Every structure is written in structure tokens, then in C-alpha cells.
Protein backbone atom coordinates (compact mmCIF):
# COMPACT_ATOMS: atom_id res chain seq x y z
CA MET A 1 -0.16 0.01 -0.10
CA GLY A 2 3.03 2.31 0.82
CA GLU A 3 2.65 6.04 2.25
CA ALA A 4 0.58 6.99 -1.04
CA GLY A 5 -2.19 4.63 -0.15
CA GLN A 6 -2.07 5.39 3.78
CA GLN A 7 -2.57 9.29 2.71
CA ARG A 8 -5.37 8.00 0.47
CA LEU A 9 -6.99 6.34 3.79
CA ARG A 10 -5.99 9.49 5.76
CA GLN A 11 -7.77 11.72 3.08
CA ALA A 12 -11.10 9.26 2.70
CA ARG A 13 -14.21 10.19 4.31
CA VAL A 14 -16.38 6.54 4.72
CA LEU A 15 -19.95 7.18 6.31
CA VAL A 16 -21.16 3.85 8.38
CA VAL A 17 -24.84 3.74 8.61
CA GLY A 18 -25.87 1.74 11.93
CA ALA A 19 -23.46 1.52 14.88
CA GLY A 20 -24.50 -2.19 15.83
CA GLY A 21 -23.47 -5.40 14.61
CA LEU A 22 -22.17 -4.94 11.26
CA GLY A 23 -21.01 -1.55 12.16
CA SER A 24 -19.31 -2.30 14.98
CA PRO A 25 -16.33 -4.32 13.53
CA ALA A 26 -16.63 -2.33 10.51
CA ALA A 27 -15.74 0.98 12.08
CA LEU A 28 -13.05 -0.75 14.55
CA TYR A 29 -11.09 -1.84 11.34
CA LEU A 30 -11.74 1.22 9.22
CA ALA A 31 -10.24 3.31 12.19
CA ALA A 32 -7.74 1.27 13.15
CA ALA A 33 -6.58 1.36 9.20
CA GLY A 34 -6.18 5.18 9.39
CA VAL A 35 -9.47 6.23 7.48
CA GLY A 36 -9.38 10.05 8.04
CA THR A 37 -13.05 10.90 8.33
CA LEU A 38 -15.31 8.21 10.00
CA GLY A 39 -19.11 8.98 9.95
CA LEU A 40 -21.66 7.18 12.21
CA VAL A 41 -25.32 7.23 11.58
CA ASP A 42 -27.54 6.12 14.62
CA PHE A 43 -30.40 7.28 16.53
CA ASP A 44 -30.55 4.20 19.02
CA ARG A 45 -29.14 3.71 22.42
CA VAL A 46 -27.39 0.79 23.70
CA ASP A 47 -28.84 -2.01 25.20
CA ALA A 48 -27.45 -5.08 27.18
CA THR A 49 -29.09 -7.28 24.60
CA ASN A 50 -26.76 -5.64 21.74
CA LEU A 51 -23.05 -6.61 23.09
CA GLN A 52 -23.44 -10.15 22.23
CA ARG A 53 -22.47 -8.82 18.83
CA GLN A 54 -21.99 -5.02 19.10
CA ILE A 55 -18.66 -4.84 20.04
CA LEU A 56 -18.16 -0.81 19.90
CA HIS A 57 -19.98 -0.67 23.21
CA GLY A 58 -19.69 -2.33 26.67
CA THR A 59 -21.52 -2.56 29.95
CA ALA A 60 -20.89 0.91 31.00
CA ALA A 61 -22.34 2.09 27.68
CA VAL A 62 -26.03 0.60 28.44
CA GLY A 63 -28.40 3.37 28.09
CA ARG A 64 -26.09 5.84 26.18
CA PRO A 65 -26.69 6.59 22.79
CA LYS A 66 -24.79 4.44 20.50
CA VAL A 67 -22.96 7.35 18.65
CA ASP A 68 -21.61 8.59 21.49
CA SER A 69 -20.29 5.30 22.78
CA ALA A 70 -18.69 4.47 19.43
CA ARG A 71 -16.95 7.87 19.41
CA GLU A 72 -15.24 7.45 22.26
CA ARG A 73 -14.07 3.72 21.93
CA LEU A 74 -12.87 4.64 17.93
CA SER A 75 -10.83 7.82 19.29
CA ASP A 76 -9.34 5.74 21.95
CA LEU A 77 -8.42 3.27 19.45
CA ASN A 78 -7.20 5.69 16.96
CA PRO A 79 -7.30 9.81 17.99
CA TYR A 80 -6.22 10.66 14.83
CA VAL A 81 -9.42 9.49 12.98
CA ARG A 82 -12.08 12.53 13.21
CA ILE A 83 -15.33 11.00 14.29
CA VAL A 84 -18.74 12.89 12.58
CA THR A 85 -21.53 11.33 14.71
CA ILE A 86 -25.43 12.06 13.21
CA PRO A 87 -27.28 10.70 16.34
CA ASP A 88 -30.62 10.64 13.95
CA ARG A 89 -32.81 8.10 11.79
CA LEU A 90 -31.84 8.45 8.29
CA THR A 91 -34.59 9.36 6.16
CA SER A 92 -35.61 10.36 3.05
CA ALA A 93 -35.33 14.02 4.36
CA ASN A 94 -31.81 13.73 5.20
CA ALA A 95 -30.31 11.20 3.66
CA LEU A 96 -28.54 13.25 0.42
CA ALA A 97 -27.23 15.69 2.37
CA VAL A 98 -25.35 13.26 4.83
CA VAL A 99 -24.59 10.78 1.91
CA ARG A 100 -23.28 13.52 -0.13
CA ASP A 101 -20.57 14.57 2.33
CA PHE A 102 -18.82 11.31 2.13
CA ASP A 103 -16.85 9.10 -0.35
CA VAL A 104 -18.08 5.49 0.63
CA VAL A 105 -20.97 4.63 2.26
CA LEU A 106 -21.14 1.13 4.29
CA ASP A 107 -24.45 -0.04 5.40
CA GLY A 108 -24.64 -2.06 8.65
CA SER A 109 -28.38 -1.46 9.04
CA ASP A 110 -30.94 -4.33 9.17
CA ASN A 111 -34.19 -3.65 7.67
CA PHE A 112 -35.05 -3.27 4.39
CA PRO A 113 -36.47 0.49 4.43
CA THR A 114 -33.23 1.77 5.00
CA ARG A 115 -31.22 -0.44 2.58
CA TYR A 116 -33.62 1.02 -0.13
CA LEU A 117 -33.00 4.08 1.24
CA VAL A 118 -29.35 4.07 1.38
CA ASN A 119 -29.16 2.59 -2.20
CA ASP A 120 -31.07 5.35 -3.84
CA ALA A 121 -29.26 7.91 -2.17
CA CYS A 122 -25.84 6.39 -3.19
CA VAL A 123 -26.98 5.97 -6.76
CA PHE A 124 -28.60 9.71 -6.83
CA THR A 125 -25.22 11.21 -5.20
CA GLY A 126 -22.59 8.85 -7.64
CA LYS A 127 -21.46 7.21 -4.25
CA PRO A 128 -20.44 3.36 -3.65
CA TYR A 129 -22.44 1.65 -1.42
CA VAL A 130 -20.79 -1.36 0.75
CA TYR A 131 -23.86 -3.62 1.32
CA GLY A 132 -23.78 -6.17 4.05
CA ALA A 133 -26.58 -8.17 5.44
CA ILE A 134 -27.14 -11.03 8.13
CA PHE A 135 -29.45 -13.55 9.72
CA ARG A 136 -28.83 -16.70 11.98
CA PHE A 137 -25.84 -17.99 10.83
CA ASP A 138 -25.50 -16.77 6.86
CA GLY A 139 -24.37 -13.44 5.46
CA GLN A 140 -24.28 -11.55 2.33
CA VAL A 141 -21.33 -8.99 1.05
CA SER A 142 -21.76 -6.74 -1.92
CA VAL A 143 -20.82 -3.16 -3.59
CA PHE A 144 -23.62 -1.42 -5.61
CA ALA A 145 -23.99 1.68 -7.15
CA ALA A 146 -20.13 1.89 -8.12
CA SER A 147 -19.80 3.01 -11.63
CA GLY A 148 -20.87 0.69 -14.35
CA GLY A 149 -22.13 -1.89 -11.61
CA PRO A 150 -25.78 -2.84 -10.31
CA CYS A 151 -27.58 -1.13 -7.76
CA TYR A 152 -29.24 -3.10 -4.82
CA ARG A 153 -32.84 -2.83 -6.88
CA CYS A 154 -31.05 -4.55 -9.56
CA LEU A 155 -30.83 -7.82 -6.94
CA CYS A 156 -34.12 -6.78 -5.37
CA SER A 157 -36.73 -5.06 -6.98
CA GLU A 158 -38.96 -5.52 -4.50
CA PRO A 159 -39.16 -5.64 -1.08
CA PRO A 160 -40.40 -9.30 0.76
CA PRO A 161 -43.59 -9.01 2.58
CA PRO A 162 -42.74 -7.57 6.24
CA GLU A 163 -44.36 -10.72 7.95
CA LEU A 164 -41.44 -12.87 6.19
CA VAL A 165 -38.86 -10.45 7.53
CA PRO A 166 -37.92 -11.13 11.24
CA SER A 167 -35.55 -8.77 12.82
CA CYS A 168 -31.98 -9.85 14.73
CA ALA A 169 -34.02 -9.77 17.87
CA GLU A 170 -36.76 -11.80 16.53
CA GLY A 171 -34.84 -14.35 14.09
CA GLY A 172 -31.76 -14.56 16.08
CA VAL A 173 -27.83 -13.92 14.88
CA LEU A 174 -24.84 -15.98 16.07
CA GLY A 175 -22.53 -13.18 17.62
CA ALA A 176 -19.40 -13.54 15.94
CA LEU A 177 -21.36 -13.65 12.13
CA PRO A 178 -21.37 -9.85 11.96
CA GLY A 179 -17.65 -9.98 12.89
CA VAL A 180 -16.89 -11.70 9.55
CA ILE A 181 -19.34 -9.72 7.42
CA GLY A 182 -18.56 -6.53 9.25
CA SER A 183 -14.83 -6.76 8.47
CA LEU A 184 -15.48 -7.78 5.15
CA GLN A 185 -17.41 -4.53 4.46
CA ALA A 186 -14.74 -2.61 5.73
CA LEU A 187 -12.03 -4.28 3.68
CA GLU A 188 -14.22 -3.77 0.76
CA ALA A 189 -14.19 -0.35 1.89
CA MET A 190 -10.79 0.27 1.93
CA LYS A 191 -10.06 -1.02 -1.24
CA LEU A 192 -12.65 1.40 -2.91
CA VAL A 193 -10.72 4.11 -1.36
CA LEU A 194 -7.20 2.88 -2.14
CA GLY A 195 -8.42 1.79 -5.82
CA LYS A 196 -6.89 -1.59 -5.25
CA GLY A 197 -7.79 -5.13 -5.94
CA ASP A 198 -11.24 -6.44 -7.43
CA PRO A 199 -14.39 -5.04 -5.41
CA LEU A 200 -17.67 -6.90 -5.43
CA VAL A 201 -19.18 -4.94 -8.03
CA GLY A 202 -21.76 -6.92 -9.48
CA ARG A 203 -20.81 -10.16 -7.24
CA LEU A 204 -22.70 -11.18 -4.07
CA LEU A 205 -20.66 -13.28 -1.72
CA LEU A 206 -22.59 -15.47 0.56
CA PHE A 207 -21.31 -16.86 3.35
CA ASP A 208 -22.69 -19.90 5.31
CA GLY A 209 -21.09 -20.09 8.62
CA LEU A 210 -22.07 -23.39 9.65
CA ALA A 211 -20.38 -24.98 6.78
CA MET A 212 -17.47 -22.50 6.72
CA ARG A 213 -18.08 -21.83 3.22
CA PHE A 214 -18.14 -18.73 0.86
CA ARG A 215 -20.02 -18.76 -2.62
CA GLU A 216 -20.61 -16.19 -5.32
CA ILE A 217 -23.19 -15.12 -7.50
CA ALA A 218 -23.25 -12.90 -10.06
CA VAL A 219 -25.34 -9.58 -10.00
CA LYS A 220 -25.85 -7.58 -13.33
CA ARG A 221 -27.12 -4.41 -13.86
CA ASP A 222 -30.76 -4.47 -14.43
CA PRO A 223 -31.47 -1.94 -17.74
CA ALA A 224 -35.00 -1.50 -16.40
CA CYS A 225 -33.85 -0.93 -12.95
CA PRO A 226 -36.35 2.09 -11.99
CA VAL A 227 -33.34 3.91 -10.15
CA CYS A 228 -30.19 3.02 -12.10
CA GLY A 229 -31.59 1.77 -14.96
CA GLU A 230 -31.61 3.28 -18.48
CA GLN A 231 -34.97 5.19 -18.25
CA PRO A 232 -34.95 5.58 -14.59
CA THR A 233 -38.88 6.12 -13.23
CA ILE A 234 -37.52 6.84 -9.50
CA ARG A 235 -35.46 10.26 -9.31
CA ASP A 236 -36.38 11.54 -5.92
CA LEU A 237 -36.03 9.23 -2.74
CA ILE A 238 -39.48 8.22 -1.47
CA ASP A 239 -41.30 6.81 1.26
CA TYR A 240 -39.20 3.82 1.89
CA GLU A 241 -41.40 2.37 5.27
CA ALA A 242 -44.66 2.60 2.90
CA PHE A 243 -42.45 1.09 -0.21
CA CYS A 244 -41.40 -1.86 1.98
CA GLY A 245 -44.89 -2.42 3.81
CA VAL A 246 -43.96 -1.22 6.96
CA THR A 247 -45.48 2.12 7.94
CA ALA A 248 -47.71 2.50 10.53
CA GLU A 249 -50.05 0.29 12.66
CA SER A 250 -53.47 0.10 10.55
CA VAL A 251 -54.87 -1.71 13.74
CA ALA A 252 -56.80 0.89 15.76
CA LEU A 253 -55.55 1.43 19.62
CA ASP A 254 -58.87 0.80 20.43
CA ASP A 255 -58.89 -2.50 19.02
CA ALA A 256 -55.54 -3.42 20.96
CA MET A 257 -55.17 -3.88 24.24
CA SER A 258 -52.50 -3.75 27.39
CA ALA A 259 -51.01 -6.47 29.40
CA ARG A 260 -52.64 -5.49 32.50
CA ALA A 261 -55.91 -5.75 30.97
CA LEU A 262 -55.08 -8.90 29.42
CA ALA A 263 -54.56 -10.39 33.00
CA ARG A 264 -57.85 -9.04 33.93
CA GLU A 265 -59.52 -10.78 30.97
CA LEU A 266 -57.69 -13.95 31.70
CA GLN A 267 -58.88 -13.97 35.11
CA GLY A 268 -62.66 -13.58 34.13
CA GLY A 269 -65.42 -16.01 33.16
CA ALA A 270 -64.82 -16.04 29.40
CA PRO A 271 -60.85 -15.69 28.84
CA PRO A 272 -59.69 -15.12 25.17
CA ARG A 273 -57.85 -17.47 23.67
CA LEU A 274 -54.30 -16.85 23.12
CA LEU A 275 -52.27 -17.14 20.02
CA ASP A 276 -48.63 -16.79 20.18
CA VAL A 277 -47.22 -16.11 16.77
CA ARG A 278 -43.36 -16.05 17.56
CA GLU A 279 -40.72 -18.50 16.41
CA PRO A 280 -40.28 -21.77 18.06
CA PHE A 281 -36.83 -20.86 19.84
CA GLU A 282 -38.58 -17.54 21.59
CA TRP A 283 -41.46 -20.08 22.87
CA GLU A 284 -39.03 -21.91 24.20
CA ILE A 285 -37.71 -19.04 26.14
CA CYS A 286 -40.84 -18.01 27.76
CA HIS A 287 -44.74 -18.33 26.55
CA LEU A 288 -47.95 -17.41 28.40
CA PRO A 289 -50.07 -20.33 29.84
CA ASN A 290 -52.68 -22.05 27.36
CA ALA A 291 -51.46 -20.17 24.44
CA ARG A 292 -51.02 -21.77 21.05
CA LEU A 293 -47.99 -21.30 18.91
CA ILE A 294 -48.03 -20.72 15.14
CA PRO A 295 -45.30 -18.33 13.76
CA LEU A 296 -46.29 -15.63 11.79
CA GLY A 297 -44.66 -16.93 8.63
CA GLU A 298 -47.00 -19.99 9.00
CA LEU A 299 -49.94 -18.50 9.80
CA PRO A 300 -51.61 -17.90 6.31
CA ARG A 301 -51.43 -21.63 5.40
CA ARG A 302 -52.74 -22.75 9.06
CA LEU A 303 -55.59 -20.62 9.31
CA ASN A 304 -57.67 -23.62 9.39
CA TYR A 305 -56.29 -24.83 12.86
CA LEU A 306 -58.08 -21.93 14.65
CA ASP A 307 -61.62 -21.92 15.32
CA GLY A 308 -62.98 -18.85 13.86
CA GLN A 309 -65.52 -18.70 17.18
CA GLY A 310 -64.61 -16.48 20.08
CA ASP A 311 -62.31 -13.91 21.00
CA LEU A 312 -58.89 -14.27 19.97
CA VAL A 313 -55.61 -12.11 21.61
CA VAL A 314 -52.57 -12.54 19.87
CA TYR A 315 -48.68 -11.44 21.05
CA CYS A 316 -45.17 -11.81 19.88
CA HIS A 317 -42.24 -10.40 21.26
CA THR A 318 -43.03 -6.66 21.22
CA GLY A 319 -46.38 -6.30 19.55
CA ALA A 320 -45.12 -5.73 15.70
CA ARG A 321 -45.47 -9.11 14.19
CA SER A 322 -48.69 -9.66 16.23
CA ARG A 323 -49.81 -6.47 14.79
CA ARG A 324 -49.51 -7.85 11.01
CA ALA A 325 -51.30 -11.78 12.43
CA VAL A 326 -54.38 -9.62 13.65
CA GLU A 327 -54.71 -7.83 10.31
CA LEU A 328 -54.20 -11.13 8.91
CA LEU A 329 -56.80 -12.77 10.80
CA ARG A 330 -59.81 -9.97 10.84
CA ALA A 331 -59.31 -10.13 6.80
CA ALA A 332 -59.90 -13.92 7.22
CA GLY A 333 -63.14 -13.19 9.36
CA PHE A 334 -61.47 -13.80 12.74
CA HIS A 335 -62.23 -11.22 15.69
CA ALA A 336 -58.63 -10.79 16.93
CA ARG A 337 -56.96 -8.19 19.15
CA ASN A 338 -53.09 -6.96 19.77
CA LEU A 339 -51.25 -7.44 22.88
CA GLN A 340 -49.66 -4.00 22.90
CA GLY A 341 -45.98 -4.27 23.92
CA GLY A 342 -46.36 -8.23 23.36
CA ILE A 343 -44.87 -10.53 26.04
CA ASP A 344 -42.43 -8.16 26.94
CA ALA A 345 -44.96 -5.75 28.23
CA TRP A 346 -46.16 -8.85 30.31
CA ALA A 347 -43.15 -9.69 31.76
CA ARG A 348 -42.66 -5.86 32.79
CA GLU A 349 -46.10 -5.25 33.71
CA VAL A 350 -47.70 -8.48 35.04
CA GLU A 351 -45.32 -11.33 35.88
CA PRO A 352 -41.93 -9.53 36.43
CA GLY A 353 -40.07 -13.14 37.49
CA MET A 354 -40.68 -13.89 33.75
CA VAL A 355 -37.60 -14.55 31.45
CA ARG A 356 -37.14 -11.46 29.24
CA TYR A 357 -34.90 -11.68 25.81
């Protein structure tokens, strides 16, 4: 790399979106390598459940903004790196202004709306997008929006249905996996800055942690892509939560119920039936007595297992999946209500001895 390469790193400006599982190892290695300016976007606070994989943070940082915890750790690692913290959610209103100020964007987010947002902002500003994603034991890495290469929409033109997309907390991830994928993202970002090697442009690298196997698939630029194609139809940032179908709750608050209200009804003469739409491994951690388990992804094809008569209260971990389940059940003719806050609210408000996760 030599002195000239080190100077390139020193002059580089790399933006890391998310100071979590992927952003932690990526930011650490970028700072250690001497990237001159490192931007960090994250609106969240450190939680004890993060520490299994988000190695930028420690127990002393629990409750603090992630960008503050990250800045202290990275400055301690390399005080010559300028850390720019953005303690806000990246949105259609601010993304172009944020991305424009950097040379390379590394995405450590864990949701589809942010991925599409980062992709489109990078295409519109001409910045390469270092993509990474993880789930349980598997990971993916690629470089999108680089000159002549495809963008993320060329790979995923449409987002999957929200009910089939569990978060890290819902689906789980082996703690070392984001270390592997985030490190590869940092490597790709440094290659782009240095102009060295063969970046993952037009290639999607797939990692199977259980088999310890890498494989690669080609990703071609789509001439009909609505953002980077020959005749683009999307020229401005859009509402990405609406595009991905995760906007707001369509179940009215009047039709949801609190954990304490459910506890009272369960003690009554005609208690409601309980439906748990989490994953089996979550059920093993904790569940409500007499509940029935049907994971959300299986619910559409297992509606015939449910008696359509009587009141049904649906719950998950924090209330998001169960809200979608209630919408599906109502459309099928069931009388269903959502437990606000999910089983986590039950553990906080009704049964303090219950295991939380």
C-alpha cells in the first residue's frame, strides 16, 4: 500500500450507517486502518441485549446513545481519526445531505427500508454502497452503485412481505457472524478508497457460517431498474417504509389491549384464546399459559387450525408481528386483538419473574 496508500486512507471520508452488529467491526477496522474521517449514523441507545454482537459498546455504555459510545471507543483506538456522529434516523429528508459529504457508504442497517434508502441515495449522489446483511448463521456482502455496476434494486427489485422479515432480535444471529461480514465490508470500503484489488461490484458474496463456506453469484445491472436503469422512473427519495409495507399500525389503538387488561380478562369467566406468533426458539424462552404457537410466517396456511368462533388475543415479542397477524386474521373473518408491547410488556407489567430477552 505504501505511503501513498496510507495518505489516501487519511484523506478518505467513509460513512457507516448503523453502529450495531455490522457497523461495530467495520468502524473498528476502518478507524484502526487510519481512515481520516469516519461518519456514524445511529439514533438508538445501547441495550444489554446488543452486547453479544455489537462489540463497539460495553456494559458501561448501556443506556447511552450508540454514537457517543462508538466515538469514545474509536477515538481511544485511533485519536487521529475524525469521528462525525449523526444521532438521527437516516430518512428521505436528510439522506442526500448526509451521504453527499462522504466518499464511500457502508451500510450496517438491519432493515429493508434503510437498505433501499441508502441504495437510492448512493445512486443519486454517485457514491459506492458497501452492502452487508446477516441472518442467523448466514451473511451477504456486495458493492452496489459503483460506476458501471448494479445497484441494490437490480438484486432486489421488490422488498419481501414484512411478515416474512424477522429482525435480529426475532430471528437471532450468532454473535461472531456480524464480525465476519462487517470485517469484509470494511475491507471492501478500503479497497474502494485505495483503488486496489477487485471489489465486489457485480458480485454477491454469500457466507454460510455453519458449513464455513463462501460462494458467489453474479449480479448484473438491470437496464429496466427504476433507479439506475436506462430510463429511471424514480428520481427522488421516496417513502421507504411505505414502499416496504412497514408504515404504521393499521390496527386501531382501541382494538389493541394492554398487558394488564389481558391479565384481568384471563381471570374472568370467558377468557380469550391466546395465539403466539413468535418463532419456536422464542416460545422455549417464555410463553403465556394455554397459548397456541403458530409462527407468523406459517399463519396464512394454518388458519384452518384455528376455530373462528370467540375472541382471540395475539402476541409476539414486542407487538409488531402480532399486529400484522391481527390484520391477516381479521381479513379472514376472525375477531382478533393485538397485545400491545407483546410478551415483553407482560413480563414488565404483569409477571416480573418471567425471563425477558
